PDB file of N, CA and C in Angstrom:
ATOM      1  N   UNK A   1      30.681   9.741  11.617  1.00  0.00           N
ATOM      2  CA  UNK A   1      29.858   8.982  10.703  1.00  0.00           C
ATOM      3  C   UNK A   1      30.715   7.908  10.047  1.00  0.00           C
ATOM      4  N   UNK A   2      30.207   6.668   9.953  1.00  0.00           N
ATOM      5  CA  UNK A   2      31.014   5.602   9.368  1.00  0.00           C
ATOM      6  C   UNK A   2      31.252   5.820   7.877  1.00  0.00           C
ATOM      7  N   UNK A   3      32.339   5.201   7.386  1.00  0.00           N
ATOM      8  CA  UNK A   3      32.681   5.325   5.974  1.00  0.00           C
ATOM      9  C   UNK A   3      31.656   4.632   5.077  1.00  0.00           C
ATOM     10  N   UNK A   4      31.107   3.525   5.546  1.00  0.00           N
ATOM     11  CA  UNK A   4      30.128   2.799   4.738  1.00  0.00           C
ATOM     12  C   UNK A   4      28.843   2.633   5.540  1.00  0.00           C
ATOM     13  N   UNK A   5      27.743   2.769   4.872  1.00  0.00           N
ATOM     14  CA  UNK A   5      26.444   2.557   5.496  1.00  0.00           C
ATOM     15  C   UNK A   5      25.997   1.132   5.220  1.00  0.00           C
ATOM     16  N   UNK A   6      25.424   0.515   6.225  1.00  0.00           N
ATOM     17  CA  UNK A   6      24.919  -0.843   6.028  1.00  0.00           C
ATOM     18  C   UNK A   6      23.752  -0.781   5.057  1.00  0.00           C
ATOM     19  N   UNK A   7      23.807  -1.587   4.005  1.00  0.00           N
ATOM     20  CA  UNK A   7      22.756  -1.606   3.009  1.00  0.00           C
ATOM     21  C   UNK A   7      21.681  -2.607   3.411  1.00  0.00           C
ATOM     22  N   UNK A   8      20.435  -2.175   3.366  1.00  0.00           N
ATOM     23  CA  UNK A   8      19.323  -3.071   3.645  1.00  0.00           C
ATOM     24  C   UNK A   8      18.990  -3.825   2.374  1.00  0.00           C
ATOM     25  N   UNK A   9      18.502  -5.050   2.511  1.00  0.00           N
ATOM     26  CA  UNK A   9      18.118  -5.801   1.308  1.00  0.00           C
ATOM     27  C   UNK A   9      17.025  -5.061   0.543  1.00  0.00           C
ATOM     28  N   UNK A  10      17.078  -5.109  -0.760  1.00  0.00           N
ATOM     29  CA  UNK A  10      16.079  -4.477  -1.610  1.00  0.00           C
ATOM     30  C   UNK A  10      15.311  -5.567  -2.359  1.00  0.00           C
ATOM     31  N   UNK A  11      14.006  -5.437  -2.379  1.00  0.00           N
ATOM     32  CA  UNK A  11      13.168  -6.415  -3.047  1.00  0.00           C
ATOM     33  C   UNK A  11      12.232  -5.698  -3.993  1.00  0.00           C
ATOM     34  N   UNK A  12      11.719  -6.421  -4.996  1.00  0.00           N
ATOM     35  CA  UNK A  12      10.827  -5.801  -5.971  1.00  0.00           C
ATOM     36  C   UNK A  12       9.933  -6.806  -6.648  1.00  0.00           C
ATOM     37  N   UNK A  13       9.299  -6.345  -7.703  1.00  0.00           N
ATOM     38  CA  UNK A  13       8.335  -7.136  -8.461  1.00  0.00           C
ATOM     39  C   UNK A  13       9.036  -8.252  -9.225  1.00  0.00           C
ATOM     40  N   UNK A  14       8.523  -9.485  -9.148  1.00  0.00           N
ATOM     41  CA  UNK A  14       9.136 -10.576  -9.896  1.00  0.00           C
ATOM     42  C   UNK A  14       8.883 -10.479 -11.399  1.00  0.00           C
ATOM     43  N   UNK A  15       7.975  -9.598 -11.817  1.00  0.00           N
ATOM     44  CA  UNK A  15       7.649  -9.461 -13.237  1.00  0.00           C
ATOM     45  C   UNK A  15       8.476  -8.370 -13.913  1.00  0.00           C
ATOM     46  N   UNK A  16       8.617  -7.197 -13.254  1.00  0.00           N
ATOM     47  CA  UNK A  16       9.329  -6.076 -13.897  1.00  0.00           C
ATOM     48  C   UNK A  16      10.473  -5.537 -13.048  1.00  0.00           C
ATOM     49  N   UNK A  17      10.683  -6.084 -11.858  1.00  0.00           N
ATOM     50  CA  UNK A  17      11.737  -5.694 -10.926  1.00  0.00           C
ATOM     51  C   UNK A  17      11.609  -4.269 -10.394  1.00  0.00           C
ATOM     52  N   UNK A  18      10.433  -3.685 -10.493  1.00  0.00           N
ATOM     53  CA  UNK A  18      10.207  -2.353  -9.916  1.00  0.00           C
ATOM     54  C   UNK A  18      10.195  -2.466  -8.396  1.00  0.00           C
ATOM     55  N   UNK A  19      10.660  -1.425  -7.734  1.00  0.00           N
ATOM     56  CA  UNK A  19      10.613  -1.384  -6.277  1.00  0.00           C
ATOM     57  C   UNK A  19       9.353  -0.721  -5.748  1.00  0.00           C
ATOM     58  N   UNK A  20       8.447  -0.311  -6.626  1.00  0.00           N
ATOM     59  CA  UNK A  20       7.212   0.372  -6.226  1.00  0.00           C
ATOM     60  C   UNK A  20       6.140  -0.667  -5.898  1.00  0.00           C
ATOM     61  N   UNK A  21       6.258  -1.267  -4.712  1.00  0.00           N
ATOM     62  CA  UNK A  21       5.396  -2.376  -4.308  1.00  0.00           C
ATOM     63  C   UNK A  21       4.475  -1.931  -3.181  1.00  0.00           C
ATOM     64  N   UNK A  22       3.225  -2.330  -3.277  1.00  0.00           N
ATOM     65  CA  UNK A  22       2.257  -2.114  -2.208  1.00  0.00           C
ATOM     66  C   UNK A  22       1.837  -3.470  -1.666  1.00  0.00           C
ATOM     67  N   UNK A  23       1.442  -3.484  -0.396  1.00  0.00           N
ATOM     68  CA  UNK A  23       0.917  -4.703   0.199  1.00  0.00           C
ATOM     69  C   UNK A  23      -0.602  -4.570   0.242  1.00  0.00           C
ATOM     70  N   UNK A  24      -1.309  -5.611  -0.177  1.00  0.00           N
ATOM     71  CA  UNK A  24      -2.765  -5.600  -0.175  1.00  0.00           C
ATOM     72  C   UNK A  24      -3.268  -5.822   1.244  1.00  0.00           C
ATOM     73  N   UNK A  25      -3.479  -4.729   1.951  1.00  0.00           N
ATOM     74  CA  UNK A  25      -3.988  -4.773   3.322  1.00  0.00           C
ATOM     75  C   UNK A  25      -5.379  -4.166   3.366  1.00  0.00           C
ATOM     76  N   UNK A  26      -6.163  -4.648   4.289  1.00  0.00           N
ATOM     77  CA  UNK A  26      -7.467  -4.036   4.548  1.00  0.00           C
ATOM     78  C   UNK A  26      -7.321  -3.215   5.821  1.00  0.00           C
ATOM     79  N   UNK A  27      -7.605  -1.931   5.726  1.00  0.00           N
ATOM     80  CA  UNK A  27      -7.471  -1.035   6.868  1.00  0.00           C
ATOM     81  C   UNK A  27      -8.755  -0.216   6.992  1.00  0.00           C
ATOM     82  N   UNK A  28      -9.335  -0.230   8.174  1.00  0.00           N
ATOM     83  CA  UNK A  28     -10.506   0.618   8.402  1.00  0.00           C
ATOM     84  C   UNK A  28     -10.040   2.029   8.682  1.00  0.00           C
ATOM     85  N   UNK A  29     -10.550   2.985   7.920  1.00  0.00           N
ATOM     86  CA  UNK A  29     -10.135   4.380   8.021  1.00  0.00           C
ATOM     87  C   UNK A  29     -11.379   5.263   8.142  1.00  0.00           C
ATOM     88  N   UNK A  30     -11.308   6.242   9.020  1.00  0.00           N
ATOM     89  CA  UNK A  30     -12.368   7.244   9.121  1.00  0.00           C
ATOM     90  C   UNK A  30     -11.931   8.471   8.325  1.00  0.00           C
ATOM     91  N   UNK A  31     -12.747   8.857   7.348  1.00  0.00           N
ATOM     92  CA  UNK A  31     -12.448  10.013   6.504  1.00  0.00           C
ATOM     93  C   UNK A  31     -13.391  11.159   6.833  1.00  0.00           C
ATOM     94  N   UNK A  32     -12.884  12.374   6.841  1.00  0.00           N
ATOM     95  CA  UNK A  32     -13.725  13.552   7.076  1.00  0.00           C
ATOM     96  C   UNK A  32     -14.498  13.853   5.787  1.00  0.00           C
ATOM     97  N   UNK A  33     -15.824  13.909   5.886  1.00  0.00           N
ATOM     98  CA  UNK A  33     -16.673  14.252   4.745  1.00  0.00           C
ATOM     99  C   UNK A  33     -16.634  15.759   4.569  1.00  0.00           C
ATOM    100  N   UNK A  34     -16.300  16.209   3.347  1.00  0.00           N
ATOM    101  CA  UNK A  34     -16.224  17.642   3.077  1.00  0.00           C
ATOM    102  C   UNK A  34     -17.325  18.118   2.140  1.00  0.00           C
ATOM    103  N   UNK A  35     -18.011  17.169   1.493  1.00  0.00           N
ATOM    104  CA  UNK A  35     -19.083  17.552   0.579  1.00  0.00           C
ATOM    105  C   UNK A  35     -20.081  16.414   0.497  1.00  0.00           C
ATOM    106  N   UNK A  36     -21.354  16.773   0.368  1.00  0.00           N
ATOM    107  CA  UNK A  36     -22.436  15.792   0.311  1.00  0.00           C
ATOM    108  C   UNK A  36     -23.171  15.918  -1.019  1.00  0.00           C
ATOM    109  N   UNK A  37     -23.733  14.797  -1.522  1.00  0.00           N
ATOM    110  CA  UNK A  37     -24.568  14.890  -2.719  1.00  0.00           C
ATOM    111  C   UNK A  37     -26.016  15.151  -2.317  1.00  0.00           C
ATOM    112  N   UNK A  38     -26.906  15.246  -3.291  1.00  0.00           N
ATOM    113  CA  UNK A  38     -28.311  15.573  -3.048  1.00  0.00           C
ATOM    114  C   UNK A  38     -29.031  14.553  -2.170  1.00  0.00           C
ATOM    115  N   UNK A  39     -28.542  13.302  -2.196  1.00  0.00           N
ATOM    116  CA  UNK A  39     -29.192  12.227  -1.454  1.00  0.00           C
ATOM    117  C   UNK A  39     -28.617  12.029  -0.056  1.00  0.00           C
ATOM    118  N   UNK A  40     -27.696  12.905   0.342  1.00  0.00           N
ATOM    119  CA  UNK A  40     -27.095  12.780   1.664  1.00  0.00           C
ATOM    120  C   UNK A  40     -25.971  11.766   1.735  1.00  0.00           C
ATOM    121  N   UNK A  41     -25.381  11.457   0.581  1.00  0.00           N
ATOM    122  CA  UNK A  41     -24.235  10.548   0.531  1.00  0.00           C
ATOM    123  C   UNK A  41     -22.958  11.373   0.398  1.00  0.00           C
ATOM    124  N   UNK A  42     -21.852  10.905   0.998  1.00  0.00           N
ATOM    125  CA  UNK A  42     -20.589  11.641   0.864  1.00  0.00           C
ATOM    126  C   UNK A  42     -20.175  11.764  -0.606  1.00  0.00           C
ATOM    127  N   UNK A  43     -19.783  12.968  -1.010  1.00  0.00           N
ATOM    128  CA  UNK A  43     -19.340  13.217  -2.377  1.00  0.00           C
ATOM    129  C   UNK A  43     -17.853  13.541  -2.437  1.00  0.00           C
ATOM    130  N   UNK A  44     -17.276  13.957  -1.313  1.00  0.00           N
ATOM    131  CA  UNK A  44     -15.861  14.303  -1.287  1.00  0.00           C
ATOM    132  C   UNK A  44     -15.332  14.142   0.146  1.00  0.00           C
ATOM    133  N   UNK A  45     -14.049  13.790   0.234  1.00  0.00           N
ATOM    134  CA  UNK A  45     -13.407  13.574   1.526  1.00  0.00           C
ATOM    135  C   UNK A  45     -12.116  14.366   1.593  1.00  0.00           C
ATOM    136  N   UNK A  46     -11.634  14.623   2.817  1.00  0.00           N
ATOM    137  CA  UNK A  46     -10.329  15.260   2.989  1.00  0.00           C
ATOM    138  C   UNK A  46      -9.738  14.850   4.327  1.00  0.00           C
ATOM    139  N   UNK A  47      -8.579  15.411   4.608  1.00  0.00           N
ATOM    140  CA  UNK A  47      -7.931  15.184   5.893  1.00  0.00           C
ATOM    141  C   UNK A  47      -8.631  16.002   6.949  1.00  0.00           C
ATOM    142  N   UNK A  48      -8.543  15.706   8.222  1.00  0.00           N
ATOM    143  CA  UNK A  48      -7.759  14.589   8.739  1.00  0.00           C
ATOM    144  C   UNK A  48      -8.510  13.273   8.585  1.00  0.00           C
ATOM    145  N   UNK A  49      -7.763  12.219   8.403  1.00  0.00           N
ATOM    146  CA  UNK A  49      -8.341  10.886   8.412  1.00  0.00           C
ATOM    147  C   UNK A  49      -7.678  10.101   9.524  1.00  0.00           C
ATOM    148  N   UNK A  50      -8.363   9.110  10.035  1.00  0.00           N
ATOM    149  CA  UNK A  50      -7.884   8.357  11.185  1.00  0.00           C
ATOM    150  C   UNK A  50      -7.963   6.868  10.898  1.00  0.00           C
ATOM    151  N   UNK A  51      -6.860   6.167  11.110  1.00  0.00           N
ATOM    152  CA  UNK A  51      -6.876   4.707  11.018  1.00  0.00           C
ATOM    153  C   UNK A  51      -7.436   4.184  12.324  1.00  0.00           C
ATOM    154  N   UNK A  52      -8.435   3.319  12.219  1.00  0.00           N
ATOM    155  CA  UNK A  52      -9.027   2.730  13.410  1.00  0.00           C
ATOM    156  C   UNK A  52      -8.066   1.686  13.954  1.00  0.00           C
ATOM    157  N   UNK A  53      -7.743   1.777  15.236  1.00  0.00           N
ATOM    158  CA  UNK A  53      -6.763   0.883  15.854  1.00  0.00           C
ATOM    159  C   UNK A  53      -7.049  -0.586  15.582  1.00  0.00           C
ATOM    160  N   UNK A  54      -5.971  -1.348  15.374  1.00  0.00           N
ATOM    161  CA  UNK A  54      -6.024  -2.805  15.229  1.00  0.00           C
ATOM    162  C   UNK A  54      -6.900  -3.281  14.083  1.00  0.00           C
ATOM    163  N   UNK A  55      -6.938  -2.537  12.971  1.00  0.00           N
ATOM    164  CA  UNK A  55      -7.768  -2.985  11.857  1.00  0.00           C
ATOM    165  C   UNK A  55      -6.973  -3.468  10.654  1.00  0.00           C
ATOM    166  N   UNK A  56      -5.647  -3.344  10.665  1.00  0.00           N
ATOM    167  CA  UNK A  56      -4.876  -3.754   9.498  1.00  0.00           C
ATOM    168  C   UNK A  56      -4.832  -5.272   9.412  1.00  0.00           C
ATOM    169  N   UNK A  57      -5.186  -5.787   8.250  1.00  0.00           N
ATOM    170  CA  UNK A  57      -5.170  -7.234   8.033  1.00  0.00           C
ATOM    171  C   UNK A  57      -4.862  -7.504   6.569  1.00  0.00           C
ATOM    172  N   UNK A  58      -4.284  -8.646   6.305  1.00  0.00           N
ATOM    173  CA  UNK A  58      -4.022  -9.062   4.926  1.00  0.00           C
ATOM    174  C   UNK A  58      -5.359  -9.382   4.263  1.00  0.00           C
ATOM    175  N   UNK A  59      -5.527  -8.943   3.022  1.00  0.00           N
ATOM    176  CA  UNK A  59      -6.727  -9.254   2.257  1.00  0.00           C
ATOM    177  C   UNK A  59      -6.574 -10.673   1.727  1.00  0.00           C
ATOM    178  N   UNK A  60      -7.271 -11.613   2.328  1.00  0.00           N
ATOM    179  CA  UNK A  60      -7.125 -13.034   1.989  1.00  0.00           C
ATOM    180  C   UNK A  60      -7.630 -13.370   0.588  1.00  0.00           C
ATOM    181  N   UNK A  61      -8.418 -12.483  -0.027  1.00  0.00           N
ATOM    182  CA  UNK A  61      -8.973 -12.747  -1.352  1.00  0.00           C
ATOM    183  C   UNK A  61      -8.032 -12.348  -2.481  1.00  0.00           C
ATOM    184  N   UNK A  62      -6.916 -11.722  -2.154  1.00  0.00           N
ATOM    185  CA  UNK A  62      -5.986 -11.247  -3.178  1.00  0.00           C
ATOM    186  C   UNK A  62      -4.586 -11.754  -2.884  1.00  0.00           C
ATOM    187  N   UNK A  63      -3.718 -11.761  -3.913  1.00  0.00           N
ATOM    188  CA  UNK A  63      -2.307 -12.026  -3.637  1.00  0.00           C
ATOM    189  C   UNK A  63      -1.775 -10.963  -2.687  1.00  0.00           C
ATOM    190  N   UNK A  64      -0.706 -11.259  -1.994  1.00  0.00           N
ATOM    191  CA  UNK A  64      -0.215 -10.374  -0.937  1.00  0.00           C
ATOM    192  C   UNK A  64       0.312  -9.031  -1.443  1.00  0.00           C
ATOM    193  N   UNK A  65       0.969  -8.998  -2.605  1.00  0.00           N
ATOM    194  CA  UNK A  65       1.620  -7.780  -3.078  1.00  0.00           C
ATOM    195  C   UNK A  65       1.058  -7.306  -4.420  1.00  0.00           C
ATOM    196  N   UNK A  66       1.217  -5.999  -4.676  1.00  0.00           N
ATOM    197  CA  UNK A  66       0.779  -5.366  -5.924  1.00  0.00           C
ATOM    198  C   UNK A  66       1.905  -4.458  -6.413  1.00  0.00           C
ATOM    199  N   UNK A  67       2.221  -4.530  -7.705  1.00  0.00           N
ATOM    200  CA  UNK A  67       3.251  -3.675  -8.293  1.00  0.00           C
ATOM    201  C   UNK A  67       2.598  -2.428  -8.882  1.00  0.00           C
ATOM    202  N   UNK A  68       3.025  -1.262  -8.396  1.00  0.00           N
ATOM    203  CA  UNK A  68       2.488   0.017  -8.880  1.00  0.00           C
ATOM    204  C   UNK A  68       2.950   0.310 -10.311  1.00  0.00           C
ATOM    205  N   UNK A  69       4.053  -0.310 -10.743  1.00  0.00           N
ATOM    206  CA  UNK A  69       4.600  -0.028 -12.071  1.00  0.00           C
ATOM    207  C   UNK A  69       3.929  -0.832 -13.180  1.00  0.00           C
ATOM    208  N   UNK A  70       3.793  -2.150 -12.986  1.00  0.00           N
ATOM    209  CA  UNK A  70       3.236  -2.985 -14.061  1.00  0.00           C
ATOM    210  C   UNK A  70       1.816  -3.471 -13.771  1.00  0.00           C
ATOM    211  N   UNK A  71       1.326  -3.258 -12.550  1.00  0.00           N
ATOM    212  CA  UNK A  71      -0.049  -3.616 -12.226  1.00  0.00           C
ATOM    213  C   UNK A  71      -0.288  -5.072 -11.896  1.00  0.00           C
ATOM    214  N   UNK A  72       0.766  -5.869 -11.791  1.00  0.00           N
ATOM    215  CA  UNK A  72       0.604  -7.295 -11.473  1.00  0.00           C
ATOM    216  C   UNK A  72       0.536  -7.503  -9.970  1.00  0.00           C
ATOM    217  N   UNK A  73      -0.187  -8.543  -9.570  1.00  0.00           N
ATOM    218  CA  UNK A  73      -0.255  -8.952  -8.172  1.00  0.00           C
ATOM    219  C   UNK A  73       0.484 -10.276  -8.028  1.00  0.00           C
ATOM    220  N   UNK A  74       1.078 -10.498  -6.848  1.00  0.00           N
ATOM    221  CA  UNK A  74       1.902 -11.693  -6.653  1.00  0.00           C
ATOM    222  C   UNK A  74       2.057 -11.967  -5.171  1.00  0.00           C
ATOM    223  N   UNK A  75       2.460 -13.178  -4.841  1.00  0.00           N
ATOM    224  CA  UNK A  75       2.638 -13.608  -3.462  1.00  0.00           C
ATOM    225  C   UNK A  75       4.028 -13.348  -2.915  1.00  0.00           C
ATOM    226  N   UNK A  76       5.054 -13.410  -3.773  1.00  0.00           N
ATOM    227  CA  UNK A  76       6.437 -13.297  -3.302  1.00  0.00           C
ATOM    228  C   UNK A  76       7.197 -12.251  -4.095  1.00  0.00           C
ATOM    229  N   UNK A  77       7.978 -11.423  -3.405  1.00  0.00           N
ATOM    230  CA  UNK A  77       8.836 -10.453  -4.069  1.00  0.00           C
ATOM    231  C   UNK A  77      10.136 -11.137  -4.499  1.00  0.00           C
ATOM    232  N   UNK A  78      10.901 -10.465  -5.340  1.00  0.00           N
ATOM    233  CA  UNK A  78      12.200 -10.981  -5.750  1.00  0.00           C
ATOM    234  C   UNK A  78      13.299 -10.065  -5.256  1.00  0.00           C
ATOM    235  N   UNK A  79      14.474 -10.633  -4.919  1.00  0.00           N
ATOM    236  CA  UNK A  79      15.601  -9.820  -4.477  1.00  0.00           C
ATOM    237  C   UNK A  79      16.125  -9.028  -5.660  1.00  0.00           C
ATOM    238  N   UNK A  80      16.334  -7.726  -5.446  1.00  0.00           N
ATOM    239  CA  UNK A  80      16.806  -6.850  -6.503  1.00  0.00           C
ATOM    240  C   UNK A  80      18.308  -7.019  -6.673  1.00  0.00           C
ATOM    241  N   UNK A  81      18.772  -6.695  -7.863  1.00  0.00           N
ATOM    242  CA  UNK A  81      20.201  -6.759  -8.183  1.00  0.00           C
ATOM    243  C   UNK A  81      20.939  -5.683  -7.394  1.00  0.00           C
ATOM    244  N   UNK A  82      22.162  -6.003  -6.946  1.00  0.00           N
ATOM    245  CA  UNK A  82      22.988  -5.035  -6.198  1.00  0.00           C
ATOM    246  C   UNK A  82      23.607  -4.029  -7.123  1.00  0.00           C
TER     247      UNK A  82
END
């Protein structure tokens, strides 16, 4: 094993510098219905769930990224301090 591991660049929120970033993607997912309401509508879901092939796309109506820590959305991440 090498003495030093190659460090990958780290990026985060430009507002609070948190690394807890999500990308606003639209993904079609099939969820297993585990409970129904009186009107025949799904009331609860569980696993297994399946991502429908080739459905991931950027949500064009929103900024590209979302910070889980401060709740802000933004287009560009910032490089984190070493």
